[in-house]
N, C-alpha and C. Protein backbone atom coordinates (compact mmCIF):
# COMPACT_ATOMS: atom_id res chain seq x y z
N MET A 1 -66.64 11.64 -114.98
CA MET A 1 -65.43 10.87 -114.86
C MET A 1 -64.38 11.64 -114.05
N GLY A 2 -63.91 12.75 -114.60
CA GLY A 2 -62.87 13.50 -113.93
C GLY A 2 -63.44 14.40 -112.84
N MET A 3 -62.57 14.82 -111.96
CA MET A 3 -63.01 15.71 -110.89
C MET A 3 -62.82 17.15 -111.33
N SER A 4 -63.74 17.99 -110.95
CA SER A 4 -63.63 19.39 -111.28
C SER A 4 -62.73 20.08 -110.26
N ARG A 5 -62.33 21.27 -110.58
CA ARG A 5 -61.49 22.04 -109.66
C ARG A 5 -62.20 22.30 -108.35
N ARG A 6 -63.49 22.53 -108.42
CA ARG A 6 -64.27 22.81 -107.22
C ARG A 6 -64.29 21.59 -106.29
N GLU A 7 -64.45 20.39 -106.85
CA GLU A 7 -64.46 19.18 -106.04
C GLU A 7 -63.09 18.93 -105.40
N ILE A 8 -62.04 19.16 -106.15
CA ILE A 8 -60.69 18.97 -105.61
C ILE A 8 -60.43 19.96 -104.48
N LEU A 9 -60.81 21.22 -104.69
CA LEU A 9 -60.62 22.23 -103.66
C LEU A 9 -61.41 21.90 -102.41
N THR A 10 -62.63 21.41 -102.57
CA THR A 10 -63.46 21.03 -101.43
C THR A 10 -62.81 19.88 -100.66
N ASP A 11 -62.29 18.89 -101.36
CA ASP A 11 -61.63 17.76 -100.70
C ASP A 11 -60.37 18.20 -99.95
N VAL A 12 -59.59 19.08 -100.57
CA VAL A 12 -58.36 19.55 -99.94
C VAL A 12 -58.69 20.37 -98.70
N MET A 13 -59.66 21.25 -98.79
CA MET A 13 -60.01 22.09 -97.63
C MET A 13 -60.57 21.24 -96.49
N ALA A 14 -61.37 20.23 -96.82
CA ALA A 14 -61.93 19.37 -95.78
C ALA A 14 -60.82 18.58 -95.08
N SER A 15 -59.88 18.04 -95.85
CA SER A 15 -58.79 17.28 -95.23
C SER A 15 -57.87 18.19 -94.42
N ALA A 16 -57.68 19.43 -94.86
CA ALA A 16 -56.87 20.37 -94.09
C ALA A 16 -57.55 20.70 -92.77
N ALA A 17 -58.87 20.86 -92.79
CA ALA A 17 -59.59 21.16 -91.56
C ALA A 17 -59.50 19.99 -90.58
N VAL A 18 -59.59 18.78 -91.08
CA VAL A 18 -59.46 17.60 -90.22
C VAL A 18 -58.06 17.52 -89.63
N ALA A 19 -57.05 17.85 -90.42
CA ALA A 19 -55.67 17.82 -89.93
C ALA A 19 -55.46 18.86 -88.84
N VAL A 20 -56.02 20.05 -89.00
CA VAL A 20 -55.88 21.11 -87.99
C VAL A 20 -56.54 20.68 -86.68
N VAL A 21 -57.72 20.11 -86.77
CA VAL A 21 -58.41 19.64 -85.56
C VAL A 21 -57.60 18.54 -84.88
N GLY A 22 -57.04 17.65 -85.66
CA GLY A 22 -56.23 16.57 -85.09
C GLY A 22 -54.99 17.09 -84.40
N PHE A 23 -54.27 18.00 -85.04
CA PHE A 23 -53.06 18.56 -84.42
C PHE A 23 -53.40 19.35 -83.17
N THR A 24 -54.51 20.07 -83.17
CA THR A 24 -54.92 20.82 -81.99
C THR A 24 -55.22 19.87 -80.84
N ALA A 25 -55.93 18.79 -81.12
CA ALA A 25 -56.25 17.83 -80.07
C ALA A 25 -54.99 17.19 -79.51
N ILE A 26 -54.05 16.86 -80.38
CA ILE A 26 -52.80 16.26 -79.91
C ILE A 26 -52.01 17.26 -79.07
N SER A 27 -51.98 18.53 -79.47
CA SER A 27 -51.21 19.51 -78.72
C SER A 27 -51.82 19.76 -77.35
N TRP A 28 -53.12 19.63 -77.20
CA TRP A 28 -53.74 19.79 -75.88
C TRP A 28 -53.33 18.66 -74.94
N VAL A 29 -53.06 17.51 -75.51
CA VAL A 29 -52.67 16.37 -74.69
C VAL A 29 -51.17 16.42 -74.38
N VAL A 30 -50.35 16.77 -75.36
CA VAL A 30 -48.91 16.71 -75.21
C VAL A 30 -48.33 17.95 -74.54
N ALA A 31 -48.88 19.12 -74.80
CA ALA A 31 -48.30 20.38 -74.31
C ALA A 31 -48.19 20.44 -72.78
N PRO A 32 -49.18 20.03 -72.00
CA PRO A 32 -49.01 20.12 -70.54
C PRO A 32 -47.86 19.27 -70.02
N THR A 33 -47.65 18.08 -70.58
CA THR A 33 -46.55 17.25 -70.10
C THR A 33 -45.20 17.84 -70.49
N CYS A 34 -45.13 18.47 -71.66
CA CYS A 34 -43.87 19.11 -72.07
C CYS A 34 -43.59 20.33 -71.19
N ALA A 35 -44.63 21.05 -70.83
CA ALA A 35 -44.44 22.24 -70.00
C ALA A 35 -43.97 21.87 -68.60
N GLU A 36 -44.41 20.73 -68.10
CA GLU A 36 -43.96 20.30 -66.78
C GLU A 36 -42.50 19.86 -66.81
N ALA A 37 -42.05 19.31 -67.93
CA ALA A 37 -40.69 18.81 -68.03
C ALA A 37 -39.68 19.93 -68.23
N ALA A 38 -40.10 21.04 -68.82
CA ALA A 38 -39.17 22.13 -69.12
C ALA A 38 -38.97 23.01 -67.88
N PRO A 39 -37.76 23.48 -67.65
CA PRO A 39 -37.52 24.37 -66.51
C PRO A 39 -38.18 25.73 -66.75
N ALA A 40 -38.68 26.33 -65.69
CA ALA A 40 -39.37 27.61 -65.80
C ALA A 40 -38.40 28.75 -66.07
N GLY A 41 -37.20 28.64 -65.61
CA GLY A 41 -36.22 29.71 -65.82
C GLY A 41 -34.87 29.28 -65.28
N ILE A 42 -33.96 30.22 -65.20
CA ILE A 42 -32.63 29.92 -64.69
C ILE A 42 -32.72 29.83 -63.17
N ALA A 43 -32.21 28.75 -62.64
CA ALA A 43 -32.17 28.62 -61.17
C ALA A 43 -30.95 29.37 -60.68
N ARG A 44 -31.17 30.52 -60.09
CA ARG A 44 -30.02 31.28 -59.61
C ARG A 44 -30.08 31.37 -58.09
N PRO A 45 -28.94 31.37 -57.48
CA PRO A 45 -28.91 31.45 -56.03
C PRO A 45 -29.40 32.81 -55.54
N ALA A 46 -29.90 32.83 -54.32
CA ALA A 46 -30.43 34.07 -53.74
C ALA A 46 -29.30 35.09 -53.59
N GLY A 47 -29.56 36.31 -53.98
CA GLY A 47 -28.58 37.37 -53.84
C GLY A 47 -27.56 37.44 -54.95
N ALA A 48 -27.64 36.60 -55.93
CA ALA A 48 -26.67 36.62 -57.02
C ALA A 48 -27.07 37.67 -58.04
N GLU A 49 -26.10 38.43 -58.48
CA GLU A 49 -26.34 39.44 -59.50
C GLU A 49 -26.33 38.78 -60.88
N THR A 50 -26.98 39.42 -61.83
CA THR A 50 -27.03 38.85 -63.17
C THR A 50 -25.65 38.81 -63.81
N ASP A 51 -24.77 39.77 -63.49
CA ASP A 51 -23.43 39.77 -64.07
C ASP A 51 -22.62 38.56 -63.61
N GLU A 52 -22.90 38.06 -62.41
CA GLU A 52 -22.17 36.91 -61.91
C GLU A 52 -22.58 35.63 -62.63
N LEU A 53 -23.78 35.61 -63.18
CA LEU A 53 -24.29 34.41 -63.84
C LEU A 53 -23.89 34.32 -65.31
N ILE A 54 -23.40 35.43 -65.88
CA ILE A 54 -23.05 35.46 -67.29
C ILE A 54 -21.64 34.94 -67.49
N GLU A 55 -21.48 33.98 -68.38
CA GLU A 55 -20.17 33.44 -68.70
C GLU A 55 -19.78 33.89 -70.10
N ARG A 56 -18.49 34.08 -70.31
CA ARG A 56 -18.03 34.45 -71.63
C ARG A 56 -18.10 33.24 -72.55
N ALA A 57 -18.52 33.48 -73.77
CA ALA A 57 -18.60 32.41 -74.76
C ALA A 57 -17.21 32.10 -75.29
N GLN A 58 -16.93 30.84 -75.47
CA GLN A 58 -15.64 30.43 -76.00
C GLN A 58 -15.78 30.27 -77.51
N VAL A 59 -14.96 30.97 -78.25
CA VAL A 59 -15.02 30.93 -79.70
C VAL A 59 -13.95 29.98 -80.21
N VAL A 60 -14.37 29.04 -81.03
CA VAL A 60 -13.43 28.09 -81.62
C VAL A 60 -13.41 28.33 -83.12
N VAL A 61 -12.24 28.66 -83.63
CA VAL A 61 -12.10 28.92 -85.06
C VAL A 61 -11.24 27.81 -85.64
N GLY A 62 -11.82 27.08 -86.58
CA GLY A 62 -11.11 25.97 -87.21
C GLY A 62 -10.57 26.39 -88.56
N PRO A 63 -9.99 25.44 -89.26
CA PRO A 63 -9.47 25.76 -90.59
C PRO A 63 -10.61 26.04 -91.56
N ARG A 64 -10.36 26.99 -92.45
CA ARG A 64 -11.39 27.34 -93.45
C ARG A 64 -11.47 26.25 -94.49
N ARG A 65 -12.68 25.93 -94.87
CA ARG A 65 -12.90 24.95 -95.91
C ARG A 65 -13.22 25.69 -97.20
N ARG A 66 -12.60 25.25 -98.26
CA ARG A 66 -12.91 25.85 -99.55
C ARG A 66 -14.21 25.26 -100.06
N ARG A 67 -15.06 26.11 -100.57
CA ARG A 67 -16.34 25.67 -101.09
C ARG A 67 -16.47 26.07 -102.54
N ARG A 68 -17.17 25.27 -103.24
CA ARG A 68 -17.40 25.58 -104.65
C ARG A 68 -18.73 26.30 -104.74
N ARG A 69 -18.70 27.54 -105.20
CA ARG A 69 -19.91 28.35 -105.35
C ARG A 69 -20.23 28.48 -106.83
N CYS A 70 -21.50 28.35 -107.14
CA CYS A 70 -21.94 28.46 -108.52
C CYS A 70 -23.00 29.54 -108.65
N TRP A 71 -23.03 30.21 -109.78
CA TRP A 71 -24.05 31.22 -110.05
C TRP A 71 -24.26 31.30 -111.55
N TRP A 72 -25.32 31.97 -111.92
CA TRP A 72 -25.65 32.11 -113.34
C TRP A 72 -25.13 33.44 -113.85
N ARG A 73 -24.45 33.39 -115.00
CA ARG A 73 -23.94 34.61 -115.62
C ARG A 73 -24.15 34.50 -117.12
N ARG A 74 -24.92 35.43 -117.64
CA ARG A 74 -25.23 35.49 -119.07
C ARG A 74 -25.81 34.17 -119.58
N GLY A 75 -26.67 33.57 -118.77
CA GLY A 75 -27.34 32.35 -119.18
C GLY A 75 -26.52 31.09 -119.02
N ARG A 76 -25.34 31.20 -118.43
CA ARG A 76 -24.51 30.02 -118.21
C ARG A 76 -24.14 29.91 -116.74
N ARG A 77 -23.90 28.70 -116.34
CA ARG A 77 -23.53 28.46 -114.95
C ARG A 77 -22.03 28.59 -114.80
N VAL A 78 -21.60 29.41 -113.81
CA VAL A 78 -20.19 29.63 -113.56
C VAL A 78 -19.90 29.15 -112.14
N CYS A 79 -18.85 28.32 -111.97
CA CYS A 79 -18.50 27.80 -110.66
C CYS A 79 -17.05 28.17 -110.34
N ARG A 80 -16.81 28.57 -109.11
CA ARG A 80 -15.47 28.94 -108.66
C ARG A 80 -15.28 28.42 -107.23
N TRP A 81 -14.03 28.28 -106.82
CA TRP A 81 -13.71 27.91 -105.45
C TRP A 81 -13.60 29.18 -104.61
N TRP A 82 -14.22 29.18 -103.43
CA TRP A 82 -14.16 30.33 -102.51
C TRP A 82 -13.63 29.89 -101.19
């Protein structure tokens, strides 16, 4: 009537193997088209130095939001605003 652990493990391993084969087959079909769509690298003009291509990052700092943090202390949950 019931399934043994060995039968369940066999079924799970078989379905996992089928899933791996399926994903591999799909990746062989999809990966070449994705690779063609992605740029190979940064298109930089001839003679340009790497320092000229680097831009400074703009940092935006907004208002701080208070969050409620909770943790366990002596078997009880303690919550505070931070």
